[in-house]
Every structure is written in C-alpha cells, then in structure tokens.
Amino acid sequence: MSFKVPKKLGDEIDERITHYPVKRSATLMLLHAIQEHFGYVSQEAIEWIAAKLELQPLNVYEVVTFYPMFRQEPAGKYVIKVCRTLSCMLGGSHDLFKDLCKSLKLDPNKHGLQTTKDGRFSIEFVECLASCGTAPVMMINEDFHEAVTTEHAKGLLSKCK
C-alpha cells in the first residue's frame, strides 16, 4: 500500500485509539484526523484505517459513506453544503442550490460533490444540517448560515474570493 501517514499524525492516531476499549470505536476519530490532514479520505486511507483498527475496509467505508462530513475526493478551498431535507426544501433550498450552482458554473442536477474548474469552490446537496426551524441552511467550510436567501448566499460567496 502506498498510503503514508506522517509520523506525528501516526503517533496522534495511535494515542487516540488508546481512548477506546474496542478499537472499532475509534473509527470516526481516525476518519476525522485523516480528512483534517489530507483534505479527504481516499480508498487507500480507508484501507489503512481498517488495518490499523483490525477491521475489514468495508467496515470503514460504510462509515465514510454514511456521514456527509466525509469526502472521498479532494474538495475546493471553500466547501459549500446546502441542506436538502424537507424543512429546508420547503424553505427554498432546492432553488438556493440551483442558484449557487449557476453562479459557480456547476450542474445543479449532478449528485455528489462538484468542484469549480479553478478548485476554489466545491458544493454538494447534503442531508439534514440540523436546523429545521431556520431553513434553508447551508455551510461554507465550518461556518453555519441560517435562513439563507440567494442574495445572502451570493454575498457570502463574494467574501470567499
């Protein structure tokens, strides 16, 4: 396997594993550490984590694909997540997503993460961001935004450039 983890990160991961009586329970923490360092979780990283935790790669893959915060491909500098669940849909998230895609010259009908040609922005339609009462909601990297209108979103994007 060609996947390499820097020694410092490897030591941090080994230390994190000691906090769990069952190694498998450290899966989320290891995925966060890997994505934080590399920017995404590659197939090689999934296999590395599985070996580290004495699991099958499928056991790690199912966690990666269940949680929307994990990416399996590199993303842009700014990652935009727009909630698509019922409350947000009723609040206009589908139109918001379409407008953002149009502004970024991306396909609003494509599923999964999309990244602009310059690598600056990535966008994806995600499941619940847990703020149904303030729909529609979106995130730009770790910043959470509520009751987002198209104009508000355009203003947020202009601050990222």
Protein backbone atom coordinates (compact mmCIF):
# COMPACT_ATOMS: atom_id res chain seq x y z
CA MET A 1 0.00 0.00 0.00
CA SER A 2 1.42 3.40 -1.00
CA PHE A 3 -0.59 5.44 1.52
CA LYS A 4 1.71 7.06 4.08
CA VAL A 5 0.79 8.85 7.27
CA PRO A 6 3.34 11.31 8.67
CA LYS A 7 4.92 10.14 11.93
CA LYS A 8 3.37 12.93 14.01
CA LEU A 9 -0.13 12.14 12.72
CA GLY A 10 0.50 8.41 13.16
CA ASP A 11 1.52 8.98 16.78
CA GLU A 12 -1.62 11.09 17.38
CA ILE A 13 -3.77 8.36 15.85
CA ASP A 14 -2.12 5.66 17.97
CA GLU A 15 -2.78 7.77 21.05
CA ARG A 16 -6.44 8.34 20.10
CA ILE A 17 -7.01 4.60 19.72
CA THR A 18 -5.96 4.07 23.35
CA HIS A 19 -9.03 6.05 24.48
CA TYR A 20 -11.38 3.31 23.25
CA PRO A 21 -11.80 -0.10 24.87
CA VAL A 22 -12.77 -1.52 21.46
CA LYS A 23 -10.57 -0.35 18.56
CA ARG A 24 -13.51 -0.16 16.14
CA SER A 25 -14.98 2.64 18.26
CA ALA A 26 -12.13 4.92 17.15
CA THR A 27 -13.24 4.80 13.51
CA LEU A 28 -14.87 8.26 13.45
CA MET A 29 -11.94 9.90 15.22
CA LEU A 30 -9.44 8.39 12.80
CA LEU A 31 -11.52 9.42 9.79
CA HIS A 32 -11.67 12.99 11.11
CA ALA A 33 -7.90 13.03 11.68
CA ILE A 34 -7.16 11.71 8.19
CA GLN A 35 -9.55 14.10 6.46
CA GLU A 36 -8.28 17.03 8.50
CA HIS A 37 -4.72 16.27 7.41
CA PHE A 38 -5.22 15.18 3.79
CA GLY A 39 -8.43 17.07 2.95
CA TYR A 40 -10.38 13.92 2.10
CA VAL A 41 -10.50 10.19 2.81
CA SER A 42 -9.06 8.18 -0.08
CA GLN A 43 -9.61 4.48 -0.70
CA GLU A 44 -6.03 3.91 0.45
CA ALA A 45 -6.78 5.79 3.68
CA ILE A 46 -9.86 3.63 4.25
CA GLU A 47 -7.72 0.52 3.85
CA TRP A 48 -5.04 1.96 6.16
CA ILE A 49 -7.58 2.79 8.88
CA ALA A 50 -9.16 -0.66 8.54
CA ALA A 51 -5.79 -2.34 9.01
CA LYS A 52 -4.98 -0.07 11.96
CA LEU A 53 -8.27 -0.94 13.67
CA GLU A 54 -8.19 -4.61 12.65
CA LEU A 55 -11.35 -4.24 10.56
CA GLN A 56 -12.36 -5.02 7.01
CA PRO A 57 -12.17 -1.98 4.66
CA LEU A 58 -15.93 -2.28 4.16
CA ASN A 59 -16.44 -1.52 7.86
CA VAL A 60 -14.67 1.82 7.44
CA TYR A 61 -16.17 2.54 4.01
CA GLU A 62 -19.71 2.23 5.37
CA VAL A 63 -18.93 4.93 7.96
CA VAL A 64 -17.39 7.23 5.33
CA THR A 65 -20.42 6.90 3.07
CA PHE A 66 -22.97 7.29 5.88
CA TYR A 67 -21.78 10.63 7.26
CA PRO A 68 -21.95 13.67 4.95
CA MET A 69 -18.94 15.36 6.54
CA PHE A 70 -16.53 12.87 4.99
CA ARG A 71 -15.31 13.33 1.41
CA GLN A 72 -13.76 10.69 -0.81
CA GLU A 73 -12.24 13.13 -3.26
CA PRO A 74 -10.34 16.40 -2.92
CA ALA A 75 -12.52 19.45 -2.50
CA GLY A 76 -12.10 23.13 -3.19
CA LYS A 77 -10.80 25.67 -0.72
CA TYR A 78 -14.40 26.54 0.18
CA VAL A 79 -16.82 23.64 0.62
CA ILE A 80 -20.49 24.63 0.44
CA LYS A 81 -23.10 22.26 1.85
CA VAL A 82 -26.77 23.03 1.24
CA CYS A 83 -29.37 21.10 3.23
CA ARG A 84 -31.89 19.26 1.09
CA THR A 85 -34.22 17.70 3.66
CA LEU A 86 -37.91 18.52 3.95
CA SER A 87 -37.85 21.67 6.09
CA CYS A 88 -35.08 23.21 4.02
CA MET A 89 -36.70 22.13 0.76
CA LEU A 90 -39.92 23.82 1.82
CA GLY A 91 -37.83 26.87 2.78
CA GLY A 92 -36.28 27.06 -0.68
CA SER A 93 -33.06 25.08 -0.51
CA HIS A 94 -33.56 23.50 -3.93
CA ASP A 95 -33.75 26.91 -5.58
CA LEU A 96 -30.82 28.11 -3.45
CA PHE A 97 -28.73 25.13 -4.59
CA LYS A 98 -29.64 25.72 -8.25
CA ASP A 99 -28.76 29.41 -7.99
CA LEU A 100 -25.43 28.66 -6.32
CA CYS A 101 -24.58 26.06 -8.97
CA LYS A 102 -25.45 28.56 -11.69
CA SER A 103 -23.21 31.20 -10.07
CA LEU A 104 -20.37 28.69 -9.83
CA LYS A 105 -20.96 27.30 -13.35
CA LEU A 106 -21.75 23.82 -12.00
CA ASP A 107 -24.53 21.35 -12.81
CA PRO A 108 -27.46 21.64 -10.36
CA ASN A 109 -28.69 18.16 -11.42
CA LYS A 110 -25.45 16.33 -10.66
CA HIS A 111 -25.29 14.27 -7.48
CA GLY A 112 -22.39 14.42 -5.09
CA LEU A 113 -19.56 16.85 -4.62
CA GLN A 114 -18.75 19.18 -7.52
CA THR A 115 -15.74 21.46 -7.69
CA THR A 116 -15.20 24.53 -9.82
CA LYS A 117 -12.53 24.36 -12.52
CA ASP A 118 -10.26 26.70 -10.56
CA GLY A 119 -10.54 24.45 -7.48
CA ARG A 120 -11.76 27.32 -5.33
CA PHE A 121 -15.31 26.12 -4.54
CA SER A 122 -16.98 22.77 -4.04
CA ILE A 123 -20.69 22.32 -3.49
CA GLU A 124 -22.93 19.46 -2.51
CA PHE A 125 -26.52 18.90 -1.55
CA VAL A 126 -26.49 17.13 1.83
CA GLU A 127 -28.89 15.55 4.25
CA CYS A 128 -30.00 17.34 7.39
CA LEU A 129 -27.77 20.04 8.82
CA ALA A 130 -29.95 20.06 11.97
CA SER A 131 -31.54 23.49 11.92
CA CYS A 132 -35.03 22.82 10.55
CA GLY A 133 -36.55 25.87 12.23
CA THR A 134 -34.25 28.28 10.39
CA ALA A 135 -34.48 26.82 6.88
CA PRO A 136 -32.92 26.91 4.43
CA VAL A 137 -29.49 26.36 5.91
CA MET A 138 -26.04 25.92 4.43
CA MET A 139 -22.44 25.72 5.49
CA ILE A 140 -19.29 27.16 3.98
CA ASN A 141 -16.47 25.11 5.44
CA GLU A 142 -17.23 25.14 9.17
CA ASP A 143 -19.36 28.31 9.12
CA PHE A 144 -23.08 27.69 9.52
CA HIS A 145 -25.65 30.01 7.90
CA GLU A 146 -29.39 30.06 8.58
CA ALA A 147 -32.39 31.40 6.66
CA VAL A 148 -30.20 31.84 3.59
CA THR A 149 -31.62 33.68 0.61
CA THR A 150 -29.99 33.65 -2.80
CA GLU A 151 -28.78 37.23 -2.27
CA HIS A 152 -27.38 36.34 1.15
CA ALA A 153 -25.57 33.34 -0.36
CA LYS A 154 -24.07 35.45 -3.15
CA GLY A 155 -22.78 37.88 -0.52
CA LEU A 156 -21.21 35.01 1.42
CA LEU A 157 -19.52 33.72 -1.74
CA SER A 158 -18.15 37.15 -2.60
CA LYS A 159 -16.39 37.22 0.78
CA CYS A 160 -14.63 33.97 -0.13
CA LYS A 161 -12.97 35.29 -3.27
